[in-house]
């Protein structure tokens, strides 16, 4: 588990949707290489912002996304 700030994500589209969130304290559980996040272990505001991008919710990734293969 990391904070959004610690991951050094270059996710401008996500950051634009997180105006009221401290990136040093908010949690994100993700695989940076595969662009997959676990919404159960990620701050709800971050998870919602990630869903609007090219990132996969872990459940989607394992059922209908690249992880299902």
PDB file of N, CA and C in Angstrom:
ATOM      1  N   UNK A   1       0.856  -1.169   0.000  1.00  0.00           N
ATOM      2  CA  UNK A   1       0.000   0.000   0.000  1.00  0.00           C
ATOM      3  C   UNK A   1       0.902   1.232   0.000  1.00  0.00           C
ATOM      4  N   UNK A   2       0.555   2.183  -0.822  1.00  0.00           N
ATOM      5  CA  UNK A   2       1.305   3.424  -0.948  1.00  0.00           C
ATOM      6  C   UNK A   2       0.338   4.596  -0.894  1.00  0.00           C
ATOM      7  N   UNK A   3       0.910   5.785  -0.809  1.00  0.00           N
ATOM      8  CA  UNK A   3       0.090   6.967  -0.998  1.00  0.00           C
ATOM      9  C   UNK A   3       0.167   7.320  -2.474  1.00  0.00           C
ATOM     10  N   UNK A   4      -0.776   8.104  -2.948  1.00  0.00           N
ATOM     11  CA  UNK A   4      -0.755   8.528  -4.348  1.00  0.00           C
ATOM     12  C   UNK A   4       0.545   9.259  -4.638  1.00  0.00           C
ATOM     13  N   UNK A   5       0.976  10.093  -3.721  1.00  0.00           N
ATOM     14  CA  UNK A   5       2.205  10.859  -3.907  1.00  0.00           C
ATOM     15  C   UNK A   5       3.421   9.941  -4.034  1.00  0.00           C
ATOM     16  N   UNK A   6       3.511   8.891  -3.230  1.00  0.00           N
ATOM     17  CA  UNK A   6       4.656   7.973  -3.263  1.00  0.00           C
ATOM     18  C   UNK A   6       4.765   7.200  -4.570  1.00  0.00           C
ATOM     19  N   UNK A   7       3.670   6.981  -5.241  1.00  0.00           N
ATOM     20  CA  UNK A   7       3.715   6.214  -6.484  1.00  0.00           C
ATOM     21  C   UNK A   7       4.267   7.021  -7.642  1.00  0.00           C
ATOM     22  N   UNK A   8       4.316   8.322  -7.501  1.00  0.00           N
ATOM     23  CA  UNK A   8       4.803   9.214  -8.556  1.00  0.00           C
ATOM     24  C   UNK A   8       4.050   8.986  -9.860  1.00  0.00           C
ATOM     25  N   UNK A   9       2.761   8.777  -9.741  1.00  0.00           N
ATOM     26  CA  UNK A   9       1.935   8.561 -10.915  1.00  0.00           C
ATOM     27  C   UNK A   9       1.853   9.840 -11.740  1.00  0.00           C
ATOM     28  N   UNK A  10       2.013   9.690 -13.019  1.00  0.00           N
ATOM     29  CA  UNK A  10       1.801  10.831 -13.909  1.00  0.00           C
ATOM     30  C   UNK A  10       0.404  10.676 -14.502  1.00  0.00           C
ATOM     31  N   UNK A  11      -0.560  10.961 -13.686  1.00  0.00           N
ATOM     32  CA  UNK A  11      -1.952  10.770 -14.079  1.00  0.00           C
ATOM     33  C   UNK A  11      -2.683  12.103 -13.967  1.00  0.00           C
ATOM     34  N   UNK A  12      -2.341  12.997 -14.850  1.00  0.00           N
ATOM     35  CA  UNK A  12      -2.910  14.338 -14.830  1.00  0.00           C
ATOM     36  C   UNK A  12      -4.417  14.347 -14.829  1.00  0.00           C
ATOM     37  N   UNK A  13      -5.021  13.443 -15.614  1.00  0.00           N
ATOM     38  CA  UNK A  13      -6.470  13.402 -15.674  1.00  0.00           C
ATOM     39  C   UNK A  13      -7.077  13.002 -14.339  1.00  0.00           C
ATOM     40  N   UNK A  14      -6.377  12.162 -13.579  1.00  0.00           N
ATOM     41  CA  UNK A  14      -6.850  11.765 -12.254  1.00  0.00           C
ATOM     42  C   UNK A  14      -6.659  12.915 -11.283  1.00  0.00           C
ATOM     43  N   UNK A  15      -5.498  13.512 -11.312  1.00  0.00           N
ATOM     44  CA  UNK A  15      -5.209  14.598 -10.387  1.00  0.00           C
ATOM     45  C   UNK A  15      -6.179  15.760 -10.563  1.00  0.00           C
ATOM     46  N   UNK A  16      -6.630  15.980 -11.789  1.00  0.00           N
ATOM     47  CA  UNK A  16      -7.594  17.050 -12.036  1.00  0.00           C
ATOM     48  C   UNK A  16      -8.905  16.802 -11.302  1.00  0.00           C
ATOM     49  N   UNK A  17      -9.223  15.546 -11.039  1.00  0.00           N
ATOM     50  CA  UNK A  17     -10.456  15.198 -10.345  1.00  0.00           C
ATOM     51  C   UNK A  17     -10.278  15.057  -8.836  1.00  0.00           C
ATOM     52  N   UNK A  18      -9.082  15.311  -8.334  1.00  0.00           N
ATOM     53  CA  UNK A  18      -8.792  15.137  -6.908  1.00  0.00           C
ATOM     54  C   UNK A  18      -8.387  16.452  -6.252  1.00  0.00           C
ATOM     55  N   UNK A  19      -9.164  17.448  -6.431  1.00  0.00           N
ATOM     56  CA  UNK A  19      -8.827  18.772  -5.914  1.00  0.00           C
ATOM     57  C   UNK A  19      -8.804  18.844  -4.388  1.00  0.00           C
ATOM     58  N   UNK A  20      -9.654  18.092  -3.718  1.00  0.00           N
ATOM     59  CA  UNK A  20      -9.779  18.193  -2.261  1.00  0.00           C
ATOM     60  C   UNK A  20      -9.112  17.034  -1.533  1.00  0.00           C
ATOM     61  N   UNK A  21      -8.106  16.416  -2.152  1.00  0.00           N
ATOM     62  CA  UNK A  21      -7.465  15.240  -1.573  1.00  0.00           C
ATOM     63  C   UNK A  21      -5.979  15.513  -1.383  1.00  0.00           C
ATOM     64  N   UNK A  22      -5.453  15.150  -0.231  1.00  0.00           N
ATOM     65  CA  UNK A  22      -4.017  15.284   0.038  1.00  0.00           C
ATOM     66  C   UNK A  22      -3.298  14.070  -0.541  1.00  0.00           C
ATOM     67  N   UNK A  23      -2.501  14.277  -1.571  1.00  0.00           N
ATOM     68  CA  UNK A  23      -1.817  13.166  -2.239  1.00  0.00           C
ATOM     69  C   UNK A  23      -0.756  12.523  -1.356  1.00  0.00           C
ATOM     70  N   UNK A  24      -0.339  13.195  -0.286  1.00  0.00           N
ATOM     71  CA  UNK A  24       0.635  12.627   0.646  1.00  0.00           C
ATOM     72  C   UNK A  24      -0.006  11.665   1.642  1.00  0.00           C
ATOM     73  N   UNK A  25      -1.308  11.717   1.785  1.00  0.00           N
ATOM     74  CA  UNK A  25      -1.950  10.885   2.810  1.00  0.00           C
ATOM     75  C   UNK A  25      -2.966   9.898   2.262  1.00  0.00           C
ATOM     76  N   UNK A  26      -3.472  10.107   1.071  1.00  0.00           N
ATOM     77  CA  UNK A  26      -4.518   9.241   0.534  1.00  0.00           C
ATOM     78  C   UNK A  26      -3.907   7.950  -0.017  1.00  0.00           C
ATOM     79  N   UNK A  27      -4.572   6.818   0.271  1.00  0.00           N
ATOM     80  CA  UNK A  27      -4.030   5.504  -0.083  1.00  0.00           C
ATOM     81  C   UNK A  27      -4.464   5.045  -1.471  1.00  0.00           C
ATOM     82  N   UNK A  28      -3.546   4.315  -2.118  1.00  0.00           N
ATOM     83  CA  UNK A  28      -3.841   3.679  -3.393  1.00  0.00           C
ATOM     84  C   UNK A  28      -3.141   2.325  -3.398  1.00  0.00           C
ATOM     85  N   UNK A  29      -3.849   1.298  -3.798  1.00  0.00           N
ATOM     86  CA  UNK A  29      -3.303  -0.044  -3.921  1.00  0.00           C
ATOM     87  C   UNK A  29      -3.327  -0.351  -5.411  1.00  0.00           C
ATOM     88  N   UNK A  30      -2.143  -0.437  -6.042  1.00  0.00           N
ATOM     89  CA  UNK A  30      -2.133  -0.571  -7.490  1.00  0.00           C
ATOM     90  C   UNK A  30      -0.909  -1.316  -8.006  1.00  0.00           C
ATOM     91  N   UNK A  31      -1.015  -1.735  -9.246  1.00  0.00           N
ATOM     92  CA  UNK A  31       0.096  -2.293 -10.004  1.00  0.00           C
ATOM     93  C   UNK A  31       0.416  -1.244 -11.060  1.00  0.00           C
ATOM     94  N   UNK A  32       1.523  -0.546 -10.858  1.00  0.00           N
ATOM     95  CA  UNK A  32       1.871   0.569 -11.734  1.00  0.00           C
ATOM     96  C   UNK A  32       2.130   0.130 -13.174  1.00  0.00           C
ATOM     97  N   UNK A  33       2.715  -1.038 -13.364  1.00  0.00           N
ATOM     98  CA  UNK A  33       3.042  -1.502 -14.708  1.00  0.00           C
ATOM     99  C   UNK A  33       1.801  -1.874 -15.509  1.00  0.00           C
ATOM    100  N   UNK A  34       0.808  -2.431 -14.850  1.00  0.00           N
ATOM    101  CA  UNK A  34      -0.396  -2.901 -15.549  1.00  0.00           C
ATOM    102  C   UNK A  34      -1.552  -1.901 -15.493  1.00  0.00           C
ATOM    103  N   UNK A  35      -1.372  -0.812 -14.752  1.00  0.00           N
ATOM    104  CA  UNK A  35      -2.427   0.199 -14.584  1.00  0.00           C
ATOM    105  C   UNK A  35      -3.698  -0.414 -14.013  1.00  0.00           C
ATOM    106  N   UNK A  36      -3.514  -1.161 -12.934  1.00  0.00           N
ATOM    107  CA  UNK A  36      -4.613  -1.824 -12.243  1.00  0.00           C
ATOM    108  C   UNK A  36      -4.635  -1.338 -10.798  1.00  0.00           C
ATOM    109  N   UNK A  37      -5.828  -1.064 -10.278  1.00  0.00           N
ATOM    110  CA  UNK A  37      -5.943  -0.667  -8.878  1.00  0.00           C
ATOM    111  C   UNK A  37      -6.986  -1.523  -8.192  1.00  0.00           C
ATOM    112  N   UNK A  38      -6.799  -1.717  -6.902  1.00  0.00           N
ATOM    113  CA  UNK A  38      -7.737  -2.487  -6.095  1.00  0.00           C
ATOM    114  C   UNK A  38      -8.636  -1.491  -5.360  1.00  0.00           C
ATOM    115  N   UNK A  39      -9.903  -1.365  -5.772  1.00  0.00           N
ATOM    116  CA  UNK A  39     -10.777  -0.362  -5.164  1.00  0.00           C
ATOM    117  C   UNK A  39     -11.083  -0.632  -3.694  1.00  0.00           C
ATOM    118  N   UNK A  40     -10.949  -1.871  -3.259  1.00  0.00           N
ATOM    119  CA  UNK A  40     -11.217  -2.190  -1.862  1.00  0.00           C
ATOM    120  C   UNK A  40     -10.127  -1.661  -0.936  1.00  0.00           C
ATOM    121  N   UNK A  41      -8.962  -1.376  -1.474  1.00  0.00           N
ATOM    122  CA  UNK A  41      -7.833  -0.903  -0.666  1.00  0.00           C
ATOM    123  C   UNK A  41      -7.358   0.471  -1.133  1.00  0.00           C
ATOM    124  N   UNK A  42      -8.173   1.149  -1.895  1.00  0.00           N
ATOM    125  CA  UNK A  42      -7.838   2.465  -2.428  1.00  0.00           C
ATOM    126  C   UNK A  42      -8.879   3.465  -1.952  1.00  0.00           C
ATOM    127  N   UNK A  43      -8.425   4.653  -1.630  1.00  0.00           N
ATOM    128  CA  UNK A  43      -9.343   5.708  -1.212  1.00  0.00           C
ATOM    129  C   UNK A  43     -10.467   5.824  -2.244  1.00  0.00           C
ATOM    130  N   UNK A  44     -11.713   5.883  -1.812  1.00  0.00           N
ATOM    131  CA  UNK A  44     -12.844   5.925  -2.745  1.00  0.00           C
ATOM    132  C   UNK A  44     -12.780   7.065  -3.763  1.00  0.00           C
ATOM    133  N   UNK A  45     -12.301   8.228  -3.357  1.00  0.00           N
ATOM    134  CA  UNK A  45     -12.200   9.351  -4.294  1.00  0.00           C
ATOM    135  C   UNK A  45     -11.169   9.062  -5.379  1.00  0.00           C
ATOM    136  N   UNK A  46     -10.060   8.426  -5.005  1.00  0.00           N
ATOM    137  CA  UNK A  46      -9.022   8.071  -5.969  1.00  0.00           C
ATOM    138  C   UNK A  46      -9.548   6.993  -6.909  1.00  0.00           C
ATOM    139  N   UNK A  47     -10.225   5.995  -6.365  1.00  0.00           N
ATOM    140  CA  UNK A  47     -10.782   4.918  -7.193  1.00  0.00           C
ATOM    141  C   UNK A  47     -11.749   5.482  -8.225  1.00  0.00           C
ATOM    142  N   UNK A  48     -12.601   6.370  -7.814  1.00  0.00           N
ATOM    143  CA  UNK A  48     -13.564   6.968  -8.741  1.00  0.00           C
ATOM    144  C   UNK A  48     -12.846   7.751  -9.843  1.00  0.00           C
ATOM    145  N   UNK A  49     -11.820   8.502  -9.481  1.00  0.00           N
ATOM    146  CA  UNK A  49     -11.062   9.260 -10.474  1.00  0.00           C
ATOM    147  C   UNK A  49     -10.331   8.325 -11.435  1.00  0.00           C
ATOM    148  N   UNK A  50      -9.783   7.222 -10.932  1.00  0.00           N
ATOM    149  CA  UNK A  50      -9.078   6.273 -11.791  1.00  0.00           C
ATOM    150  C   UNK A  50     -10.021   5.593 -12.778  1.00  0.00           C
ATOM    151  N   UNK A  51     -11.235   5.333 -12.375  1.00  0.00           N
ATOM    152  CA  UNK A  51     -12.213   4.676 -13.263  1.00  0.00           C
ATOM    153  C   UNK A  51     -12.488   5.505 -14.514  1.00  0.00           C
ATOM    154  N   UNK A  52     -12.285   6.800 -14.444  1.00  0.00           N
ATOM    155  CA  UNK A  52     -12.535   7.686 -15.578  1.00  0.00           C
ATOM    156  C   UNK A  52     -11.330   7.773 -16.517  1.00  0.00           C
ATOM    157  N   UNK A  53     -10.336   6.922 -16.290  1.00  0.00           N
ATOM    158  CA  UNK A  53      -9.109   6.960 -17.097  1.00  0.00           C
ATOM    159  C   UNK A  53      -8.861   5.593 -17.727  1.00  0.00           C
ATOM    160  N   UNK A  54      -7.621   5.381 -18.172  1.00  0.00           N
ATOM    161  CA  UNK A  54      -7.217   4.110 -18.774  1.00  0.00           C
ATOM    162  C   UNK A  54      -6.885   3.049 -17.724  1.00  0.00           C
ATOM    163  N   UNK A  55      -7.006   3.374 -16.446  1.00  0.00           N
ATOM    164  CA  UNK A  55      -6.729   2.416 -15.373  1.00  0.00           C
ATOM    165  C   UNK A  55      -7.872   1.421 -15.234  1.00  0.00           C
ATOM    166  N   UNK A  56      -7.535   0.186 -14.850  1.00  0.00           N
ATOM    167  CA  UNK A  56      -8.516  -0.872 -14.641  1.00  0.00           C
ATOM    168  C   UNK A  56      -8.775  -1.082 -13.156  1.00  0.00           C
ATOM    169  N   UNK A  57     -10.031  -1.222 -12.822  1.00  0.00           N
ATOM    170  CA  UNK A  57     -10.435  -1.739 -11.522  1.00  0.00           C
ATOM    171  C   UNK A  57      -9.999  -3.205 -11.534  1.00  0.00           C
ATOM    172  N   UNK A  58      -9.421  -3.718 -10.466  1.00  0.00           N
ATOM    173  CA  UNK A  58      -8.923  -5.088 -10.412  1.00  0.00           C
ATOM    174  C   UNK A  58      -9.989  -6.100 -10.828  1.00  0.00           C
ATOM    175  N   UNK A  59     -11.213  -5.868 -10.400  1.00  0.00           N
ATOM    176  CA  UNK A  59     -12.297  -6.808 -10.740  1.00  0.00           C
ATOM    177  C   UNK A  59     -12.533  -6.844 -12.246  1.00  0.00           C
ATOM    178  N   UNK A  60     -12.500  -5.690 -12.889  1.00  0.00           N
ATOM    179  CA  UNK A  60     -12.668  -5.626 -14.342  1.00  0.00           C
ATOM    180  C   UNK A  60     -11.477  -6.267 -15.048  1.00  0.00           C
ATOM    181  N   UNK A  61     -10.281  -5.965 -14.567  1.00  0.00           N
ATOM    182  CA  UNK A  61      -9.056  -6.467 -15.180  1.00  0.00           C
ATOM    183  C   UNK A  61      -9.006  -7.990 -15.184  1.00  0.00           C
ATOM    184  N   UNK A  62      -9.485  -8.606 -14.103  1.00  0.00           N
ATOM    185  CA  UNK A  62      -9.404 -10.066 -14.001  1.00  0.00           C
ATOM    186  C   UNK A  62     -10.565 -10.782 -14.687  1.00  0.00           C
ATOM    187  N   UNK A  63     -11.638 -10.083 -15.002  1.00  0.00           N
ATOM    188  CA  UNK A  63     -12.792 -10.746 -15.631  1.00  0.00           C
ATOM    189  C   UNK A  63     -12.920 -10.465 -17.126  1.00  0.00           C
ATOM    190  N   UNK A  64     -12.797  -9.201 -17.518  1.00  0.00           N
ATOM    191  CA  UNK A  64     -12.986  -8.849 -18.927  1.00  0.00           C
ATOM    192  C   UNK A  64     -11.802  -8.122 -19.537  1.00  0.00           C
ATOM    193  N   UNK A  65     -10.828  -7.744 -18.713  1.00  0.00           N
ATOM    194  CA  UNK A  65      -9.673  -7.002 -19.198  1.00  0.00           C
ATOM    195  C   UNK A  65      -8.508  -7.920 -19.530  1.00  0.00           C
ATOM    196  N   UNK A  66      -7.325  -7.348 -19.671  1.00  0.00           N
ATOM    197  CA  UNK A  66      -6.121  -8.115 -20.044  1.00  0.00           C
ATOM    198  C   UNK A  66      -5.774  -9.218 -19.063  1.00  0.00           C
ATOM    199  N   UNK A  67      -6.155  -9.099 -17.808  1.00  0.00           N
ATOM    200  CA  UNK A  67      -5.830 -10.128 -16.818  1.00  0.00           C
ATOM    201  C   UNK A  67      -6.684 -11.371 -16.915  1.00  0.00           C
ATOM    202  N   UNK A  68      -7.705 -11.355 -17.770  1.00  0.00           N
ATOM    203  CA  UNK A  68      -8.587 -12.516 -17.911  1.00  0.00           C
ATOM    204  C   UNK A  68      -8.017 -13.554 -18.864  1.00  0.00           C
ATOM    205  N   UNK A  69      -6.965 -13.199 -19.544  1.00  0.00           N
ATOM    206  CA  UNK A  69      -6.372 -14.113 -20.542  1.00  0.00           C
ATOM    207  C   UNK A  69      -5.359 -15.034 -19.933  1.00  0.00           C
TER     208      UNK A  69
END
